């Protein structure tokens, strides 16, 4: 099963857990308290992101047009929408996008649209002065992810900022890596592992992929990035969140 199909299955069965893999978010229908906690985390992230941009790249930065790649159920696109004129959420899972649209409608937000993703981002149009993607690329095979990152950055306006998160080390032993690879490429092994852990046999994996930092830096240079700030992250795997300023004057 491809990672796209994995995410559509998560979108149908446990969309919130597919975005933030905490046990309290695994039920298809979250409690009011759990849903509030889920979306409060999104507000904290977006607030911290703008603080880092102002502190390290451009103290005067403000965005009118924003995009969130891997938007899931709208956890980040909703707080983003309150800070910009227009926002676009992009995701590979139709079910995730349907849930995101319901959440946006429930909150009375009217400046958000959603786009179904593909490898060339052919349905994404226009330029954006802020592009965000958080804990998404780690679930995309590296070669696909590199092309997607390049496609995303082609939509970044001069003087715009992209905030992209990548895992660079899955922090796994050789044995763990071998087991994960086997589960990703041999379905019966994955089914047995699920049953051994008391999970539904057909529950999909959340594939983890580590990106080469040198390749990422080369990509950023080719895409016109003139300045960056980076922060380490650790969600069980070692990651980097890049804050990328594109050359040129803001439009």
C-alpha atoms as a PDB file:
ATOM      1  CA  UNK A   1       0.000   0.000   0.000  1.00  0.00           C
ATOM      2  CA  UNK A   2       1.377   3.435  -0.942  1.00  0.00           C
ATOM      3  CA  UNK A   3       1.796   6.161   1.649  1.00  0.00           C
ATOM      4  CA  UNK A   4      -1.020   8.082  -0.089  1.00  0.00           C
ATOM      5  CA  UNK A   5      -3.390   5.182   0.540  1.00  0.00           C
ATOM      6  CA  UNK A   6      -2.133   4.931   4.122  1.00  0.00           C
ATOM      7  CA  UNK A   7      -3.108   8.537   4.771  1.00  0.00           C
ATOM      8  CA  UNK A   8      -6.490   8.164   3.150  1.00  0.00           C
ATOM      9  CA  UNK A   9      -7.146   5.190   5.423  1.00  0.00           C
ATOM     10  CA  UNK A  10      -6.130   7.246   8.466  1.00  0.00           C
ATOM     11  CA  UNK A  11      -8.368  10.015   7.158  1.00  0.00           C
ATOM     12  CA  UNK A  12     -11.332   7.653   7.076  1.00  0.00           C
ATOM     13  CA  UNK A  13     -10.746   5.864  10.379  1.00  0.00           C
ATOM     14  CA  UNK A  14      -8.804   8.130  12.799  1.00  0.00           C
ATOM     15  CA  UNK A  15      -8.160  11.495  11.131  1.00  0.00           C
ATOM     16  CA  UNK A  16      -7.037  13.350  14.263  1.00  0.00           C
ATOM     17  CA  UNK A  17      -4.656  10.583  15.314  1.00  0.00           C
ATOM     18  CA  UNK A  18      -3.277  10.649  11.776  1.00  0.00           C
ATOM     19  CA  UNK A  19      -2.253  14.270  12.389  1.00  0.00           C
ATOM     20  CA  UNK A  20      -1.063  14.035  16.011  1.00  0.00           C
ATOM     21  CA  UNK A  21      -0.359  10.465  17.125  1.00  0.00           C
ATOM     22  CA  UNK A  22      -1.419  10.756  20.755  1.00  0.00           C
ATOM     23  CA  UNK A  23      -3.706   8.068  22.224  1.00  0.00           C
ATOM     24  CA  UNK A  24      -6.373  10.603  23.221  1.00  0.00           C
ATOM     25  CA  UNK A  25      -6.788  11.534  19.543  1.00  0.00           C
ATOM     26  CA  UNK A  26      -7.267   8.016  18.207  1.00  0.00           C
ATOM     27  CA  UNK A  27     -11.059   7.760  18.418  1.00  0.00           C
ATOM     28  CA  UNK A  28     -12.886   8.658  15.172  1.00  0.00           C
ATOM     29  CA  UNK A  29     -15.147  10.987  17.199  1.00  0.00           C
ATOM     30  CA  UNK A  30     -13.164  13.044  19.707  1.00  0.00           C
ATOM     31  CA  UNK A  31     -14.574  14.335  22.967  1.00  0.00           C
ATOM     32  CA  UNK A  32     -15.067  18.082  23.234  1.00  0.00           C
ATOM     33  CA  UNK A  33     -12.058  18.370  25.560  1.00  0.00           C
ATOM     34  CA  UNK A  34      -9.810  16.311  23.289  1.00  0.00           C
ATOM     35  CA  UNK A  35     -10.780  18.339  20.220  1.00  0.00           C
ATOM     36  CA  UNK A  36     -10.137  21.582  22.109  1.00  0.00           C
ATOM     37  CA  UNK A  37      -6.694  20.316  23.149  1.00  0.00           C
ATOM     38  CA  UNK A  38      -5.974  19.289  19.564  1.00  0.00           C
ATOM     39  CA  UNK A  39      -6.737  22.694  18.074  1.00  0.00           C
ATOM     40  CA  UNK A  40      -5.116  24.661  20.909  1.00  0.00           C
ATOM     41  CA  UNK A  41      -1.874  22.918  19.965  1.00  0.00           C
ATOM     42  CA  UNK A  42      -2.256  24.305  16.447  1.00  0.00           C
ATOM     43  CA  UNK A  43      -2.672  27.858  17.727  1.00  0.00           C
ATOM     44  CA  UNK A  44       0.453  27.494  19.879  1.00  0.00           C
ATOM     45  CA  UNK A  45       2.439  26.224  16.889  1.00  0.00           C
ATOM     46  CA  UNK A  46       1.385  29.056  14.569  1.00  0.00           C
ATOM     47  CA  UNK A  47       2.013  31.700  17.227  1.00  0.00           C
ATOM     48  CA  UNK A  48       5.490  30.290  17.863  1.00  0.00           C
ATOM     49  CA  UNK A  49       6.203  30.107  14.130  1.00  0.00           C
ATOM     50  CA  UNK A  50       5.474  33.807  13.615  1.00  0.00           C
ATOM     51  CA  UNK A  51       7.529  34.693  16.691  1.00  0.00           C
ATOM     52  CA  UNK A  52      10.520  32.796  15.261  1.00  0.00           C
ATOM     53  CA  UNK A  53      10.101  34.454  11.847  1.00  0.00           C
ATOM     54  CA  UNK A  54      10.033  37.917  13.408  1.00  0.00           C
ATOM     55  CA  UNK A  55      12.974  37.168  15.679  1.00  0.00           C
ATOM     56  CA  UNK A  56      15.310  35.500  13.181  1.00  0.00           C
ATOM     57  CA  UNK A  57      14.379  36.472   9.607  1.00  0.00           C
ATOM     58  CA  UNK A  58      12.205  39.562   9.284  1.00  0.00           C
ATOM     59  CA  UNK A  59      10.773  41.518  12.233  1.00  0.00           C
ATOM     60  CA  UNK A  60       8.308  43.267   9.887  1.00  0.00           C
ATOM     61  CA  UNK A  61       7.045  40.136   8.135  1.00  0.00           C
ATOM     62  CA  UNK A  62       3.354  39.713   7.590  1.00  0.00           C
ATOM     63  CA  UNK A  63       1.653  37.348   5.174  1.00  0.00           C
ATOM     64  CA  UNK A  64      -1.386  37.889   2.982  1.00  0.00           C
ATOM     65  CA  UNK A  65      -1.388  34.572   1.111  1.00  0.00           C
ATOM     66  CA  UNK A  66      -0.503  31.383   2.987  1.00  0.00           C
ATOM     67  CA  UNK A  67      -0.430  27.667   2.219  1.00  0.00           C
ATOM     68  CA  UNK A  68      -0.197  24.681   4.567  1.00  0.00           C
ATOM     69  CA  UNK A  69       1.104  21.496   2.955  1.00  0.00           C
ATOM     70  CA  UNK A  70      -0.168  18.338   4.650  1.00  0.00           C
ATOM     71  CA  UNK A  71      -2.947  20.280   6.347  1.00  0.00           C
ATOM     72  CA  UNK A  72      -4.811  17.204   7.601  1.00  0.00           C
ATOM     73  CA  UNK A  73      -8.009  18.172   9.420  1.00  0.00           C
ATOM     74  CA  UNK A  74      -7.110  21.876   9.564  1.00  0.00           C
ATOM     75  CA  UNK A  75      -5.213  22.082  12.842  1.00  0.00           C
ATOM     76  CA  UNK A  76      -2.785  24.708  11.496  1.00  0.00           C
ATOM     77  CA  UNK A  77      -4.713  26.205   8.591  1.00  0.00           C
ATOM     78  CA  UNK A  78      -7.378  27.585  10.925  1.00  0.00           C
ATOM     79  CA  UNK A  79      -5.028  29.689  13.102  1.00  0.00           C
ATOM     80  CA  UNK A  80      -3.122  30.645   9.940  1.00  0.00           C
ATOM     81  CA  UNK A  81      -6.332  31.877   8.336  1.00  0.00           C
ATOM     82  CA  UNK A  82      -6.861  34.340  11.176  1.00  0.00           C
ATOM     83  CA  UNK A  83      -3.542  36.029  10.383  1.00  0.00           C
ATOM     84  CA  UNK A  84      -3.749  36.278   6.567  1.00  0.00           C
ATOM     85  CA  UNK A  85      -6.127  37.388   3.817  1.00  0.00           C
ATOM     86  CA  UNK A  86      -6.385  33.956   2.216  1.00  0.00           C
ATOM     87  CA  UNK A  87      -5.102  30.463   3.016  1.00  0.00           C
ATOM     88  CA  UNK A  88      -4.910  27.184   1.111  1.00  0.00           C
ATOM     89  CA  UNK A  89      -4.755  23.781   2.778  1.00  0.00           C
ATOM     90  CA  UNK A  90      -3.147  20.979   0.770  1.00  0.00           C
ATOM     91  CA  UNK A  91      -3.435  17.282   1.566  1.00  0.00           C
ATOM     92  CA  UNK A  92      -3.234  13.924  -0.182  1.00  0.00           C
ATOM     93  CA  UNK A  93      -6.245  12.479   1.664  1.00  0.00           C
ATOM     94  CA  UNK A  94      -9.742  13.433   0.442  1.00  0.00           C
ATOM     95  CA  UNK A  95     -11.191  12.299   3.776  1.00  0.00           C
ATOM     96  CA  UNK A  96      -8.822  14.569   5.702  1.00  0.00           C
ATOM     97  CA  UNK A  97      -9.817  17.497   3.496  1.00  0.00           C
ATOM     98  CA  UNK A  98     -13.511  16.783   4.040  1.00  0.00           C
ATOM     99  CA  UNK A  99     -13.012  16.855   7.816  1.00  0.00           C
ATOM    100  CA  UNK A 100     -10.924  20.033   7.519  1.00  0.00           C
ATOM    101  CA  UNK A 101     -13.708  21.696   5.531  1.00  0.00           C
ATOM    102  CA  UNK A 102     -16.218  20.752   8.233  1.00  0.00           C
ATOM    103  CA  UNK A 103     -13.974  22.225  10.925  1.00  0.00           C
ATOM    104  CA  UNK A 104     -13.479  25.462   8.988  1.00  0.00           C
ATOM    105  CA  UNK A 105     -17.221  25.794   8.387  1.00  0.00           C
ATOM    106  CA  UNK A 106     -17.972  25.142  12.052  1.00  0.00           C
ATOM    107  CA  UNK A 107     -15.648  27.998  13.031  1.00  0.00           C
ATOM    108  CA  UNK A 108     -17.195  30.371  10.496  1.00  0.00           C
ATOM    109  CA  UNK A 109     -13.901  30.777   8.603  1.00  0.00           C
ATOM    110  CA  UNK A 110     -14.419  31.916   5.013  1.00  0.00           C
ATOM    111  CA  UNK A 111     -10.947  32.671   3.669  1.00  0.00           C
ATOM    112  CA  UNK A 112      -9.708  29.066   3.339  1.00  0.00           C
ATOM    113  CA  UNK A 113      -9.828  26.728   0.368  1.00  0.00           C
ATOM    114  CA  UNK A 114      -8.546  23.175   0.067  1.00  0.00           C
ATOM    115  CA  UNK A 115      -6.548  21.445  -2.667  1.00  0.00           C
ATOM    116  CA  UNK A 116      -5.979  17.729  -3.185  1.00  0.00           C
ATOM    117  CA  UNK A 117      -2.248  17.079  -3.468  1.00  0.00           C
ATOM    118  CA  UNK A 118      -0.325  15.117  -6.073  1.00  0.00           C
ATOM    119  CA  UNK A 119       3.400  14.805  -6.731  1.00  0.00           C
ATOM    120  CA  UNK A 120       3.500  17.808  -9.087  1.00  0.00           C
ATOM    121  CA  UNK A 121       1.017  19.930  -7.108  1.00  0.00           C
ATOM    122  CA  UNK A 122      -0.821  20.537 -10.375  1.00  0.00           C
ATOM    123  CA  UNK A 123      -3.948  21.802  -8.595  1.00  0.00           C
ATOM    124  CA  UNK A 124      -2.048  24.391  -6.557  1.00  0.00           C
ATOM    125  CA  UNK A 125      -2.081  27.757  -8.306  1.00  0.00           C
ATOM    126  CA  UNK A 126      -0.600  31.149  -7.594  1.00  0.00           C
ATOM    127  CA  UNK A 127       2.162  32.421  -5.340  1.00  0.00           C
ATOM    128  CA  UNK A 128       2.272  32.573  -1.554  1.00  0.00           C
ATOM    129  CA  UNK A 129       4.254  34.739   0.825  1.00  0.00           C
ATOM    130  CA  UNK A 130       4.065  32.070   3.549  1.00  0.00           C
ATOM    131  CA  UNK A 131       4.249  28.299   3.045  1.00  0.00           C
ATOM    132  CA  UNK A 132       4.188  25.930   6.005  1.00  0.00           C
ATOM    133  CA  UNK A 133       4.606  22.181   6.375  1.00  0.00           C
ATOM    134  CA  UNK A 134       5.027  20.570   9.783  1.00  0.00           C
ATOM    135  CA  UNK A 135       5.737  16.880  10.575  1.00  0.00           C
ATOM    136  CA  UNK A 136       4.603  15.919   7.063  1.00  0.00           C
ATOM    137  CA  UNK A 137       7.651  15.239   4.884  1.00  0.00           C
ATOM    138  CA  UNK A 138       8.895  12.571   7.302  1.00  0.00           C
ATOM    139  CA  UNK A 139       5.979  10.398   6.165  1.00  0.00           C
ATOM    140  CA  UNK A 140       6.790  10.834   2.449  1.00  0.00           C
ATOM    141  CA  UNK A 141       9.470   8.708   0.726  1.00  0.00           C
ATOM    142  CA  UNK A 142      12.550  10.859   0.251  1.00  0.00           C
ATOM    143  CA  UNK A 143      12.678  11.110  -3.543  1.00  0.00           C
ATOM    144  CA  UNK A 144       9.000  12.038  -3.718  1.00  0.00           C
ATOM    145  CA  UNK A 145       9.455  14.464  -0.855  1.00  0.00           C
ATOM    146  CA  UNK A 146      12.380  16.249  -2.492  1.00  0.00           C
ATOM    147  CA  UNK A 147      10.332  16.844  -5.640  1.00  0.00           C
ATOM    148  CA  UNK A 148       7.367  18.032  -3.592  1.00  0.00           C
ATOM    149  CA  UNK A 149       9.547  20.436  -1.607  1.00  0.00           C
ATOM    150  CA  UNK A 150      10.906  21.874  -4.860  1.00  0.00           C
ATOM    151  CA  UNK A 151       7.379  22.216  -6.242  1.00  0.00           C
ATOM    152  CA  UNK A 152       6.232  23.955  -3.061  1.00  0.00           C
ATOM    153  CA  UNK A 153       9.124  26.413  -3.113  1.00  0.00           C
ATOM    154  CA  UNK A 154       8.320  27.292  -6.730  1.00  0.00           C
ATOM    155  CA  UNK A 155       5.105  28.805  -5.335  1.00  0.00           C
ATOM    156  CA  UNK A 156       6.967  30.969  -2.784  1.00  0.00           C
ATOM    157  CA  UNK A 157       6.955  34.677  -3.644  1.00  0.00           C
ATOM    158  CA  UNK A 158      10.166  36.770  -3.582  1.00  0.00           C
ATOM    159  CA  UNK A 159      10.682  37.928  -0.018  1.00  0.00           C
ATOM    160  CA  UNK A 160       8.353  35.172   1.162  1.00  0.00           C
ATOM    161  CA  UNK A 161       9.069  32.668   3.908  1.00  0.00           C
ATOM    162  CA  UNK A 162       8.656  28.899   3.928  1.00  0.00           C
ATOM    163  CA  UNK A 163       8.674  26.936   7.174  1.00  0.00           C
ATOM    164  CA  UNK A 164       9.402  23.296   6.363  1.00  0.00           C
ATOM    165  CA  UNK A 165      10.037  20.438   8.785  1.00  0.00           C
ATOM    166  CA  UNK A 166      12.096  17.346   7.928  1.00  0.00           C
ATOM    167  CA  UNK A 167      13.327  14.343   9.886  1.00  0.00           C
ATOM    168  CA  UNK A 168      17.044  13.701   9.337  1.00  0.00           C
ATOM    169  CA  UNK A 169      17.549  10.727  11.705  1.00  0.00           C
ATOM    170  CA  UNK A 170      14.844   8.245  12.657  1.00  0.00           C
ATOM    171  CA  UNK A 171      16.786   7.462  15.852  1.00  0.00           C
ATOM    172  CA  UNK A 172      16.305   3.729  15.299  1.00  0.00           C
ATOM    173  CA  UNK A 173      18.607   0.765  15.830  1.00  0.00           C
ATOM    174  CA  UNK A 174      19.560  -1.355  12.833  1.00  0.00           C
ATOM    175  CA  UNK A 175      17.126  -4.039  14.030  1.00  0.00           C
ATOM    176  CA  UNK A 176      14.270  -1.549  14.391  1.00  0.00           C
ATOM    177  CA  UNK A 177      15.024  -0.120  10.950  1.00  0.00           C
ATOM    178  CA  UNK A 178      14.987  -3.622   9.437  1.00  0.00           C
ATOM    179  CA  UNK A 179      11.669  -4.443  11.096  1.00  0.00           C
ATOM    180  CA  UNK A 180      10.137  -1.167   9.894  1.00  0.00           C
ATOM    181  CA  UNK A 181      11.379  -1.735   6.342  1.00  0.00           C
ATOM    182  CA  UNK A 182       9.940  -5.258   6.359  1.00  0.00           C
ATOM    183  CA  UNK A 183       6.562  -4.002   7.591  1.00  0.00           C
ATOM    184  CA  UNK A 184       6.518  -1.286   4.933  1.00  0.00           C
ATOM    185  CA  UNK A 185       7.318  -3.698   2.094  1.00  0.00           C
ATOM    186  CA  UNK A 186       5.757  -7.025   3.182  1.00  0.00           C
ATOM    187  CA  UNK A 187       2.121  -6.719   4.193  1.00  0.00           C
ATOM    188  CA  UNK A 188       1.789 -10.027   6.137  1.00  0.00           C
ATOM    189  CA  UNK A 189       4.646  -8.956   8.432  1.00  0.00           C
ATOM    190  CA  UNK A 190       2.811  -5.716   9.128  1.00  0.00           C
ATOM    191  CA  UNK A 191      -0.472  -7.524   9.821  1.00  0.00           C
ATOM    192  CA  UNK A 192       1.234  -9.881  12.289  1.00  0.00           C
ATOM    193  CA  UNK A 193       2.963  -6.977  14.039  1.00  0.00           C
ATOM    194  CA  UNK A 194      -0.380  -5.200  14.432  1.00  0.00           C
ATOM    195  CA  UNK A 195      -2.026  -8.283  15.910  1.00  0.00           C
ATOM    196  CA  UNK A 196       0.895  -8.799  18.302  1.00  0.00           C
ATOM    197  CA  UNK A 197       0.375  -5.242  19.593  1.00  0.00           C
ATOM    198  CA  UNK A 198      -3.371  -5.633  19.965  1.00  0.00           C
ATOM    199  CA  UNK A 199      -4.128  -3.323  17.052  1.00  0.00           C
ATOM    200  CA  UNK A 200      -6.513  -3.877  14.124  1.00  0.00           C
ATOM    201  CA  UNK A 201      -4.766  -6.154  11.653  1.00  0.00           C
ATOM    202  CA  UNK A 202      -5.175  -3.752   8.711  1.00  0.00           C
ATOM    203  CA  UNK A 203      -4.236  -0.557  10.554  1.00  0.00           C
ATOM    204  CA  UNK A 204      -1.798   1.252   8.220  1.00  0.00           C
ATOM    205  CA  UNK A 205       1.759   2.157   9.111  1.00  0.00           C
ATOM    206  CA  UNK A 206       3.047   5.673   9.613  1.00  0.00           C
ATOM    207  CA  UNK A 207       6.172   5.378   7.518  1.00  0.00           C
ATOM    208  CA  UNK A 208       9.153   7.423   8.736  1.00  0.00           C
ATOM    209  CA  UNK A 209      11.772   8.730   6.308  1.00  0.00           C
ATOM    210  CA  UNK A 210      15.045  10.507   7.062  1.00  0.00           C
ATOM    211  CA  UNK A 211      16.248  13.226   4.680  1.00  0.00           C
ATOM    212  CA  UNK A 212      19.856  14.121   3.915  1.00  0.00           C
ATOM    213  CA  UNK A 213      20.451  17.642   5.226  1.00  0.00           C
ATOM    214  CA  UNK A 214      23.105  18.429   2.594  1.00  0.00           C
ATOM    215  CA  UNK A 215      20.649  17.569  -0.181  1.00  0.00           C
ATOM    216  CA  UNK A 216      18.018  19.776   1.421  1.00  0.00           C
ATOM    217  CA  UNK A 217      20.412  22.719   1.674  1.00  0.00           C
ATOM    218  CA  UNK A 218      21.355  22.284  -1.984  1.00  0.00           C
ATOM    219  CA  UNK A 219      17.681  22.255  -2.920  1.00  0.00           C
ATOM    220  CA  UNK A 220      17.032  25.425  -0.949  1.00  0.00           C
ATOM    221  CA  UNK A 221      19.869  27.254  -2.732  1.00  0.00           C
ATOM    222  CA  UNK A 222      18.595  26.154  -6.145  1.00  0.00           C
ATOM    223  CA  UNK A 223      15.133  27.433  -5.217  1.00  0.00           C
ATOM    224  CA  UNK A 224      16.403  30.923  -4.436  1.00  0.00           C
ATOM    225  CA  UNK A 225      16.586  30.800  -0.649  1.00  0.00           C
ATOM    226  CA  UNK A 226      19.032  33.463   0.529  1.00  0.00           C
ATOM    227  CA  UNK A 227      18.754  33.148   4.312  1.00  0.00           C
ATOM    228  CA  UNK A 228      17.574  30.510   6.761  1.00  0.00           C
ATOM    229  CA  UNK A 229      17.082  29.801  10.424  1.00  0.00           C
ATOM    230  CA  UNK A 230      16.927  26.223  11.726  1.00  0.00           C
ATOM    231  CA  UNK A 231      15.664  24.662  14.939  1.00  0.00           C
ATOM    232  CA  UNK A 232      16.073  21.050  16.049  1.00  0.00           C
ATOM    233  CA  UNK A 233      12.999  18.992  16.920  1.00  0.00           C
ATOM    234  CA  UNK A 234      12.490  15.595  18.530  1.00  0.00           C
ATOM    235  CA  UNK A 235       9.210  13.718  18.186  1.00  0.00           C
ATOM    236  CA  UNK A 236      10.801  10.326  18.759  1.00  0.00           C
ATOM    237  CA  UNK A 237      12.937  11.005  15.686  1.00  0.00           C
ATOM    238  CA  UNK A 238      15.464  13.786  15.177  1.00  0.00           C
ATOM    239  CA  UNK A 239      14.229  16.580  12.950  1.00  0.00           C
ATOM    240  CA  UNK A 240      14.929  20.113  11.786  1.00  0.00           C
ATOM    241  CA  UNK A 241      12.464  22.892  11.200  1.00  0.00           C
ATOM    242  CA  UNK A 242      13.785  25.244   8.512  1.00  0.00           C
ATOM    243  CA  UNK A 243      12.668  28.874   8.269  1.00  0.00           C
ATOM    244  CA  UNK A 244      13.535  29.885   4.701  1.00  0.00           C
ATOM    245  CA  UNK A 245      13.605  33.427   3.293  1.00  0.00           C
ATOM    246  CA  UNK A 246      13.426  33.648  -0.499  1.00  0.00           C
ATOM    247  CA  UNK A 247      15.578  36.231  -2.275  1.00  0.00           C
ATOM    248  CA  UNK A 248      13.923  39.360  -3.618  1.00  0.00           C
ATOM    249  CA  UNK A 249      11.679  42.106  -2.371  1.00  0.00           C
ATOM    250  CA  UNK A 250       8.301  41.202  -0.957  1.00  0.00           C
ATOM    251  CA  UNK A 251       5.471  41.993  -3.354  1.00  0.00           C
END
